[in-house]
């Protein structure tokens, strides 16, 4: 299974990438939504994208909206992983098409639990 980590922080991309690899995913990453859209076109089928909200060029919310507009990516599961804690932001992301929402800081167990809620069984 292929997952994409989209975050402007290289450290967060590495941490999330390691967690996903540990539980059985192959991982590609992107530093913002524009780069992520390009990577999606390159790699094709992605099962899961973990998306930060606050990024330059195209933020996570805009990325979720773009992905959900394209029928090609209708099966991609999207999880916002962000410091945004406002309830209104959570609702906005879920209404735009995000499947789950996880607030930073997070643990490997929290990520596994969210994946389980989304119906993704992991090692």
Protein backbone atom coordinates (compact mmCIF):
# COMPACT_ATOMS: atom_id res chain seq x y z
CA UNK A 1 0.00 0.00 0.00
CA UNK A 2 1.21 3.46 -0.88
CA UNK A 3 0.84 6.48 1.39
CA UNK A 4 1.71 10.12 0.83
CA UNK A 5 2.85 12.49 3.57
CA UNK A 6 2.25 16.15 2.76
CA UNK A 7 3.81 18.64 5.16
CA UNK A 8 6.08 21.65 4.73
CA UNK A 9 8.17 20.44 7.69
CA UNK A 10 10.83 17.96 6.59
CA UNK A 11 11.04 16.66 10.18
CA UNK A 12 7.31 15.88 10.28
CA UNK A 13 7.53 14.20 6.85
CA UNK A 14 10.35 11.99 8.16
CA UNK A 15 8.54 11.12 11.41
CA UNK A 16 5.23 10.31 9.71
CA UNK A 17 7.05 8.46 6.93
CA UNK A 18 8.87 6.26 9.46
CA UNK A 19 5.63 5.48 11.33
CA UNK A 20 3.88 4.53 8.08
CA UNK A 21 6.81 2.40 6.90
CA UNK A 22 6.89 0.64 10.29
CA UNK A 23 3.25 -0.39 9.85
CA UNK A 24 3.68 -1.61 6.29
CA UNK A 25 3.24 1.30 3.87
CA UNK A 26 5.48 2.46 1.08
CA UNK A 27 5.77 6.23 1.42
CA UNK A 28 6.16 9.18 -0.91
CA UNK A 29 6.13 12.74 0.33
CA UNK A 30 5.54 16.33 -0.73
CA UNK A 31 6.23 19.71 0.86
CA UNK A 32 2.93 21.34 -0.14
CA UNK A 33 -0.33 20.72 -1.97
CA UNK A 34 0.97 21.75 -5.40
CA UNK A 35 3.88 19.31 -5.13
CA UNK A 36 1.48 16.66 -3.79
CA UNK A 37 -0.84 16.99 -6.81
CA UNK A 38 2.19 16.52 -9.10
CA UNK A 39 3.33 13.47 -7.09
CA UNK A 40 -0.18 11.98 -7.29
CA UNK A 41 -0.03 12.20 -11.09
CA UNK A 42 3.42 10.56 -11.07
CA UNK A 43 2.77 7.67 -8.69
CA UNK A 44 -0.86 6.90 -9.51
CA UNK A 45 -2.75 4.96 -6.88
CA UNK A 46 -2.24 6.24 -3.35
CA UNK A 47 -4.26 4.55 -0.60
CA UNK A 48 -3.75 7.24 1.99
CA UNK A 49 -2.58 10.83 2.29
CA UNK A 50 -1.65 12.46 5.59
CA UNK A 51 -2.07 16.18 5.03
CA UNK A 52 -0.88 19.19 7.04
CA UNK A 53 -3.19 22.22 7.00
CA UNK A 54 -0.70 25.09 7.03
CA UNK A 55 1.60 24.94 4.01
CA UNK A 56 2.77 27.43 1.37
CA UNK A 57 1.48 27.46 -2.25
CA UNK A 58 -1.50 25.16 -1.64
CA UNK A 59 -2.56 24.40 1.91
CA UNK A 60 -3.99 21.11 3.14
CA UNK A 61 -7.60 22.25 2.95
CA UNK A 62 -7.14 23.36 -0.68
CA UNK A 63 -5.42 20.05 -1.43
CA UNK A 64 -8.36 18.07 0.03
CA UNK A 65 -10.76 20.13 -2.13
CA UNK A 66 -8.65 19.54 -5.27
CA UNK A 67 -8.36 15.78 -4.69
CA UNK A 68 -12.10 15.44 -4.03
CA UNK A 69 -12.90 17.28 -7.29
CA UNK A 70 -11.07 14.61 -9.31
CA UNK A 71 -12.88 11.30 -9.79
CA UNK A 72 -9.47 9.59 -10.32
CA UNK A 73 -8.73 9.98 -6.60
CA UNK A 74 -12.16 9.18 -5.15
CA UNK A 75 -10.78 6.17 -3.22
CA UNK A 76 -7.83 8.01 -1.62
CA UNK A 77 -8.32 8.25 2.14
CA UNK A 78 -7.34 11.65 3.47
CA UNK A 79 -6.31 12.41 7.04
CA UNK A 80 -5.53 15.92 8.17
CA UNK A 81 -2.58 15.87 10.59
CA UNK A 82 -2.27 19.39 11.91
CA UNK A 83 -1.90 21.82 14.77
CA UNK A 84 -5.25 23.39 13.84
CA UNK A 85 -7.47 22.62 16.83
CA UNK A 86 -10.46 24.88 16.15
CA UNK A 87 -13.64 22.82 15.85
CA UNK A 88 -14.65 24.94 12.85
CA UNK A 89 -11.43 23.90 11.06
CA UNK A 90 -12.09 20.22 11.79
CA UNK A 91 -15.62 20.51 10.42
CA UNK A 92 -14.42 22.45 7.36
CA UNK A 93 -11.84 19.75 6.55
CA UNK A 94 -14.31 16.89 7.01
CA UNK A 95 -16.95 18.66 4.91
CA UNK A 96 -14.36 19.18 2.17
CA UNK A 97 -13.76 15.43 2.06
CA UNK A 98 -11.13 14.57 4.65
CA UNK A 99 -11.86 11.15 6.18
CA UNK A 100 -10.20 11.80 9.55
CA UNK A 101 -8.51 14.54 11.53
CA UNK A 102 -5.54 14.11 13.87
CA UNK A 103 -4.03 16.88 15.93
CA UNK A 104 -0.30 17.31 16.48
CA UNK A 105 1.48 16.17 18.53
CA UNK A 106 0.61 12.57 17.69
CA UNK A 107 1.89 9.09 18.47
CA UNK A 108 2.24 5.99 16.31
CA UNK A 109 -0.69 4.49 18.28
CA UNK A 110 -2.90 7.50 17.51
CA UNK A 111 -2.14 7.16 13.80
CA UNK A 112 -2.86 3.42 13.86
CA UNK A 113 -6.15 4.07 15.66
CA UNK A 114 -7.24 6.64 13.04
CA UNK A 115 -6.26 4.27 10.21
CA UNK A 116 -8.35 1.56 11.85
CA UNK A 117 -11.33 3.95 12.05
CA UNK A 118 -10.86 4.62 8.30
CA UNK A 119 -10.94 0.88 7.60
CA UNK A 120 -7.24 0.53 6.80
CA UNK A 121 -5.84 -2.56 8.46
CA UNK A 122 -2.15 -2.23 9.25
CA UNK A 123 0.60 -4.48 10.60
